[in-house]
Amino acid sequence: MTAQSYPVQLESIALSKYLSTAYAYPVLSEAEELEHARAFKHTHHQEAAKILIMSHVRFVVHIAKKYQNFGVPFADLIQEGTVGLMKAVHRFDPDLGVRLASFAVHWIKSSIHEYILKNWRLVKIATTKAQRKLFFNLHRFMGEVASLNDDEVQFISETLEVPEKDVRTMELRLRAGYEVEAVDESPTEEGVRSDSMVLAGPSSIEPEAYVERAQLLEQRAQLLNQALNALDGRAQDILNGRWLSESKTTLQELAERHGISSERVRQLEKAALKQLNQTLSGVQGYLPVSSEPIG
């Protein structure tokens, strides 16, 4: 089985049937995972690889659900995520002390990210690092509101460290959904194409680096949760509503909930993020805004 083939072709089978087939494979225990991973690593046993892949499709689906609002067919997201999973399985070293899911998460997300950037119906959607940063973060700001107000644009600009005009431009593109134009596939100045936040193309980083990254992200998530818990309840609620929840809570909704003005909510939000950033400023790889929800 190569990284270009699928254990079950999505284009030839209904998504529901594919998922039923995948979900028939039980979640592997750590011992079972080690057994199959070692069998594939040492003997290239194809059935072992298939078991590893199919038993982790539910994990691919879990990740793919987070990208359903990008206008790409869900089946395509699952298929591309499966491509990333298969690459991870082929590179996974079971003796490094990390579970396959932790190792594979960035391969899965990177594959999905690249697919979205190449296929989303937008004009020059994300040809620079700043544009990719906006593309993968602006959805959580936009929520259900008709348009971002000037304060919100300024806040996003300051937080993501991009010009306000770029925020407005990306907002218009996301809301309008223009026809696609080929995305520039040239490397960034660091030599790796990415969304500029945490993900990099699988082909450019060795498996050991991904293990280190998975461990780093786990540590970072724990530290972020600790930093959030250090905030007062109101600040936590504001950050959860504005940044970490699936649907964005508006300033007005938070203002009414806490009996304060919308401007005061914005001030508290900015202060809480500043405190969070100061607390985590020494954490390796930390950026003011994460490229994916915490949790």
Protein backbone atom coordinates (compact mmCIF):
# COMPACT_ATOMS: atom_id res chain seq x y z
CA MET A 1 0.00 0.00 0.00
CA THR A 2 1.53 3.33 -1.01
CA ALA A 3 0.85 6.76 0.46
CA GLN A 4 -1.03 7.59 -2.74
CA SER A 5 -3.58 4.78 -2.42
CA TYR A 6 -6.46 4.34 -0.02
CA PRO A 7 -7.53 1.30 1.94
CA VAL A 8 -11.02 2.15 0.68
CA GLN A 9 -11.51 4.63 -2.18
CA LEU A 10 -13.88 7.42 -1.13
CA GLU A 11 -14.77 8.27 -4.71
CA SER A 12 -16.11 4.74 -5.29
CA ILE A 13 -18.12 4.33 -2.13
CA ALA A 14 -20.61 6.42 -0.20
CA LEU A 15 -19.09 8.32 2.70
CA SER A 16 -21.41 6.68 5.17
CA LYS A 17 -20.41 3.21 4.00
CA TYR A 18 -16.73 4.12 4.12
CA LEU A 19 -17.08 5.36 7.68
CA SER A 20 -19.05 2.27 8.65
CA THR A 21 -16.24 0.16 7.28
CA ALA A 22 -13.62 2.17 9.15
CA TYR A 23 -15.56 2.27 12.41
CA ALA A 24 -15.81 -1.52 12.35
CA TYR A 25 -12.11 -1.49 13.24
CA PRO A 26 -11.79 -1.17 17.03
CA VAL A 27 -9.65 1.44 18.74
CA LEU A 28 -6.29 -0.17 19.35
CA SER A 29 -4.75 -0.55 22.76
CA GLU A 30 -1.19 0.67 23.14
CA ALA A 31 0.07 -2.91 23.02
CA GLU A 32 -1.93 -3.69 19.87
CA GLU A 33 -0.73 -0.50 18.22
CA LEU A 34 2.89 -1.39 19.00
CA GLU A 35 2.42 -4.89 17.63
CA HIS A 36 0.99 -3.72 14.29
CA ALA A 37 3.39 -0.77 13.96
CA ARG A 38 6.41 -2.99 14.54
CA ALA A 39 5.08 -5.57 12.10
CA PHE A 40 4.77 -2.91 9.42
CA LYS A 41 8.09 -1.27 10.22
CA HIS A 42 10.12 -4.48 10.16
CA THR A 43 8.28 -6.59 7.56
CA HIS A 44 6.17 -4.04 5.64
CA HIS A 45 3.14 -6.16 6.45
CA GLN A 46 0.34 -4.47 4.50
CA GLU A 47 -2.47 -5.80 6.67
CA ALA A 48 -0.78 -4.26 9.71
CA ALA A 49 -0.64 -0.90 7.93
CA LYS A 50 -4.30 -1.18 6.97
CA ILE A 51 -5.32 -1.91 10.56
CA LEU A 52 -3.34 1.10 11.80
CA ILE A 53 -4.94 3.35 9.20
CA MET A 54 -8.52 2.17 9.45
CA SER A 55 -8.51 2.15 13.24
CA HIS A 56 -7.50 5.83 13.17
CA VAL A 57 -10.02 7.06 10.59
CA ARG A 58 -12.32 8.16 13.42
CA PHE A 59 -9.44 10.42 14.52
CA VAL A 60 -9.22 11.85 10.99
CA VAL A 61 -12.98 12.51 11.06
CA HIS A 62 -12.66 14.28 14.41
CA ILE A 63 -10.03 16.60 12.96
CA ALA A 64 -11.84 17.09 9.64
CA LYS A 65 -14.99 18.30 11.42
CA LYS A 66 -13.10 21.39 12.53
CA TYR A 67 -12.70 22.44 8.87
CA GLN A 68 -16.30 22.00 7.71
CA ASN A 69 -16.87 25.77 7.53
CA PHE A 70 -14.25 26.27 4.82
CA GLY A 71 -16.61 25.32 1.99
CA VAL A 72 -14.86 22.07 1.09
CA PRO A 73 -16.82 18.78 0.83
CA PHE A 74 -16.54 16.82 4.06
CA ALA A 75 -15.66 13.64 2.15
CA ASP A 76 -12.71 15.47 0.58
CA LEU A 77 -11.50 16.60 4.00
CA ILE A 78 -11.63 13.02 5.26
CA GLN A 79 -9.86 11.73 2.17
CA GLU A 80 -7.08 14.29 2.42
CA GLY A 81 -6.77 13.70 6.15
CA THR A 82 -6.43 10.00 5.40
CA VAL A 83 -3.60 10.78 2.99
CA GLY A 84 -1.80 12.54 5.83
CA LEU A 85 -2.55 9.63 8.17
CA MET A 86 -1.08 7.17 5.68
CA LYS A 87 2.09 9.22 5.37
CA ALA A 88 2.36 9.24 9.15
CA VAL A 89 1.90 5.46 9.35
CA HIS A 90 4.70 4.97 6.82
CA ARG A 91 7.03 7.17 8.88
CA PHE A 92 5.94 6.16 12.38
CA ASP A 93 8.58 4.69 14.68
CA PRO A 94 6.74 2.70 17.37
CA ASP A 95 9.82 2.64 19.59
CA LEU A 96 10.01 6.41 20.13
CA GLY A 97 7.47 6.29 22.97
CA VAL A 98 4.70 8.30 21.29
CA ARG A 99 1.26 7.05 20.27
CA LEU A 100 0.40 7.07 16.58
CA ALA A 101 -2.41 9.62 17.04
CA SER A 102 0.00 12.15 18.59
CA PHE A 103 2.52 11.52 15.83
CA ALA A 104 -0.05 11.68 13.02
CA VAL A 105 -2.02 14.77 14.03
CA HIS A 106 0.23 17.24 12.20
CA TRP A 107 0.45 15.10 9.07
CA ILE A 108 -3.35 14.94 8.98
CA LYS A 109 -3.84 18.66 9.55
CA SER A 110 -1.09 19.64 7.15
CA SER A 111 -2.65 17.54 4.38
CA ILE A 112 -6.07 19.10 5.02
CA HIS A 113 -4.62 22.62 5.17
CA GLU A 114 -2.81 22.21 1.87
CA TYR A 115 -5.95 20.87 0.22
CA ILE A 116 -8.07 23.76 1.46
CA LEU A 117 -5.54 26.34 0.33
CA LYS A 118 -5.38 24.80 -3.15
CA ASN A 119 -9.10 24.28 -3.62
CA TRP A 120 -11.07 26.83 -1.63
CA ARG A 121 -13.06 29.08 -3.97
CA LEU A 122 -11.14 32.28 -3.33
CA VAL A 123 -8.95 34.62 -5.34
CA LYS A 124 -5.33 34.44 -4.16
CA ILE A 125 -6.65 33.26 -0.81
CA ALA A 126 -3.38 32.74 1.00
CA THR A 127 -0.15 33.33 -0.87
CA THR A 128 1.77 34.83 2.05
CA LYS A 129 2.38 33.85 5.65
CA ALA A 130 0.25 36.75 6.90
CA GLN A 131 -2.65 35.76 4.64
CA ARG A 132 -2.49 32.15 5.80
CA LYS A 133 -2.50 33.33 9.39
CA LEU A 134 -5.64 35.35 8.69
CA PHE A 135 -7.27 32.57 6.68
CA PHE A 136 -7.07 30.03 9.48
CA ASN A 137 -8.00 32.45 12.30
CA LEU A 138 -10.52 34.91 10.90
CA HIS A 139 -13.46 32.47 10.94
CA ARG A 140 -13.55 32.45 14.73
CA PHE A 141 -13.75 36.25 14.78
CA MET A 142 -16.40 36.56 12.09
CA GLY A 143 -18.93 34.16 13.60
CA GLU A 144 -22.49 35.09 12.73
CA VAL A 145 -21.99 38.86 12.53
CA ALA A 146 -22.63 40.63 9.23
CA SER A 147 -19.24 42.33 9.27
CA LEU A 148 -16.42 43.16 11.62
CA ASN A 149 -16.52 46.63 13.13
CA ASP A 150 -13.53 48.96 13.26
CA ASP A 151 -12.62 47.99 16.83
CA GLU A 152 -12.66 44.31 15.97
CA VAL A 153 -10.53 44.88 12.87
CA GLN A 154 -8.04 46.86 14.92
CA PHE A 155 -7.98 44.17 17.61
CA ILE A 156 -7.38 41.38 15.07
CA SER A 157 -4.72 43.44 13.35
CA GLU A 158 -2.84 44.01 16.60
CA THR A 159 -3.22 40.45 17.82
CA LEU A 160 -2.19 38.72 14.59
CA GLU A 161 0.34 41.44 13.74
CA VAL A 162 -1.02 42.06 10.25
CA PRO A 163 -2.17 45.32 8.59
CA GLU A 164 -5.82 46.32 9.09
CA LYS A 165 -6.32 46.48 5.32
CA ASP A 166 -5.31 42.81 5.09
CA VAL A 167 -7.93 41.93 7.70
CA ARG A 168 -10.63 43.73 5.70
CA THR A 169 -9.48 42.17 2.43
CA MET A 170 -9.48 38.64 3.83
CA GLU A 171 -12.88 39.18 5.45
CA LEU A 172 -14.34 40.18 2.08
CA ARG A 173 -12.80 37.16 0.40
CA LEU A 174 -14.09 34.78 3.04
CA ARG A 175 -17.61 36.19 2.82
CA ALA A 176 -17.74 36.45 -0.97
CA GLY A 177 -16.25 33.12 -2.06
CA TYR A 178 -14.74 34.13 -5.41
CA GLU A 179 -13.56 31.61 -7.99
CA VAL A 180 -10.26 29.98 -7.28
CA GLU A 181 -6.93 31.17 -8.64
CA ALA A 182 -3.88 28.98 -8.27
CA VAL A 183 -2.13 29.41 -4.96
CA ASP A 184 1.52 30.31 -5.07
CA GLU A 185 3.37 27.15 -4.07
CA SER A 186 6.79 28.73 -3.68
CA PRO A 187 8.53 28.14 -0.35
CA THR A 188 8.35 30.73 2.41
CA GLU A 189 11.50 32.47 3.54
CA GLU A 190 12.02 29.62 6.03
CA GLY A 191 11.83 27.13 3.17
CA VAL A 192 8.63 25.44 4.35
CA ARG A 193 5.10 26.12 3.13
CA SER A 194 2.72 26.38 6.06
CA ASP A 195 -0.19 28.35 7.45
CA SER A 196 2.44 30.34 9.39
CA MET A 197 1.08 29.29 12.75
CA VAL A 198 2.09 25.73 13.63
CA LEU A 199 1.83 23.43 10.62
CA ALA A 200 4.47 22.56 8.06
CA GLY A 201 4.45 20.29 5.02
CA PRO A 202 5.05 16.67 5.99
CA SER A 203 7.74 16.12 3.38
CA SER A 204 9.97 18.79 4.90
CA ILE A 205 10.25 17.53 8.49
CA GLU A 206 11.62 14.22 9.67
CA PRO A 207 9.46 11.95 11.87
CA GLU A 208 11.59 12.57 14.96
CA ALA A 209 10.88 16.29 14.62
CA TYR A 210 7.16 15.58 14.53
CA VAL A 211 7.44 13.54 17.72
CA GLU A 212 9.19 16.46 19.37
CA ARG A 213 6.54 18.82 18.02
CA ALA A 214 3.71 16.64 19.30
CA GLN A 215 5.28 16.57 22.74
CA LEU A 216 5.86 20.32 22.61
CA LEU A 217 2.24 21.02 21.67
CA GLU A 218 0.97 18.82 24.48
CA GLN A 219 3.15 20.76 26.92
CA ARG A 220 2.04 24.06 25.40
CA ALA A 221 -1.64 23.12 25.70
CA GLN A 222 -1.16 22.25 29.37
CA LEU A 223 0.61 25.55 30.03
CA LEU A 224 -2.09 27.46 28.17
CA ASN A 225 -4.80 25.83 30.25
CA GLN A 226 -2.88 26.71 33.39
CA ALA A 227 -2.54 30.31 32.20
CA LEU A 228 -6.27 30.48 31.44
CA ASN A 229 -7.11 29.12 34.87
CA ALA A 230 -5.01 31.88 36.42
CA LEU A 231 -7.37 34.50 34.96
CA ASP A 232 -10.48 35.58 36.83
CA GLY A 233 -13.81 34.02 35.86
CA ARG A 234 -14.98 36.97 33.79
CA ALA A 235 -11.78 37.11 31.76
CA GLN A 236 -11.94 33.35 31.19
CA ASP A 237 -15.52 33.61 29.97
CA ILE A 238 -14.63 36.43 27.58
CA LEU A 239 -11.67 34.58 26.08
CA ASN A 240 -13.63 31.36 25.80
CA GLY A 241 -16.48 33.15 24.06
CA ARG A 242 -14.32 35.19 21.73
CA TRP A 243 -11.51 32.76 20.96
CA LEU A 244 -11.99 29.18 22.08
CA SER A 245 -15.63 28.30 21.45
CA GLU A 246 -16.89 26.82 18.18
CA SER A 247 -19.11 29.85 17.48
CA LYS A 248 -17.99 33.37 18.27
CA THR A 249 -19.79 35.22 21.07
CA THR A 250 -20.37 38.88 20.20
CA LEU A 251 -19.14 41.77 22.31
CA GLN A 252 -22.74 42.79 22.94
CA GLU A 253 -23.71 39.33 24.20
CA LEU A 254 -20.80 39.30 26.62
CA ALA A 255 -21.57 42.85 27.69
CA GLU A 256 -25.14 41.90 28.57
CA ARG A 257 -24.00 38.75 30.34
CA HIS A 258 -21.59 40.64 32.59
CA GLY A 259 -23.49 43.91 32.91
CA ILE A 260 -20.81 46.06 31.31
CA SER A 261 -20.37 47.96 28.05
CA SER A 262 -19.16 46.37 24.82
CA GLU A 263 -16.13 48.64 24.93
CA ARG A 264 -15.32 47.37 28.41
CA VAL A 265 -15.55 43.79 27.15
CA ARG A 266 -13.10 44.64 24.37
CA GLN A 267 -10.73 46.20 26.90
CA LEU A 268 -10.93 43.17 29.19
CA GLU A 269 -10.39 40.85 26.23
CA LYS A 270 -7.28 42.73 25.18
CA ALA A 271 -5.95 42.85 28.74
CA ALA A 272 -6.57 39.14 29.27
CA LEU A 273 -4.76 38.25 26.05
CA LYS A 274 -1.87 40.50 27.01
CA GLN A 275 -1.62 38.74 30.37
CA LEU A 276 -1.82 35.37 28.64
CA ASN A 277 0.89 36.31 26.17
CA GLN A 278 3.15 37.59 28.94
CA THR A 279 2.69 34.37 30.90
CA LEU A 280 3.47 32.22 27.89
CA SER A 281 6.06 34.43 26.22
CA GLY A 282 8.88 32.11 27.23
CA VAL A 283 7.19 28.97 25.93
CA GLN A 284 8.92 27.65 22.82
CA GLY A 285 6.88 28.24 19.67
CA TYR A 286 4.05 30.08 21.41
CA LEU A 287 2.17 32.60 19.25
CA PRO A 288 -0.47 35.08 20.51
CA VAL A 289 -3.25 33.20 18.70
CA SER A 290 -3.27 29.45 18.15
CA SER A 291 -3.98 28.03 14.58
CA GLU A 292 -6.45 25.56 16.04
CA PRO A 293 -8.77 25.58 19.08
CA ILE A 294 -7.31 24.30 22.29
CA GLY A 295 -8.67 21.05 23.55
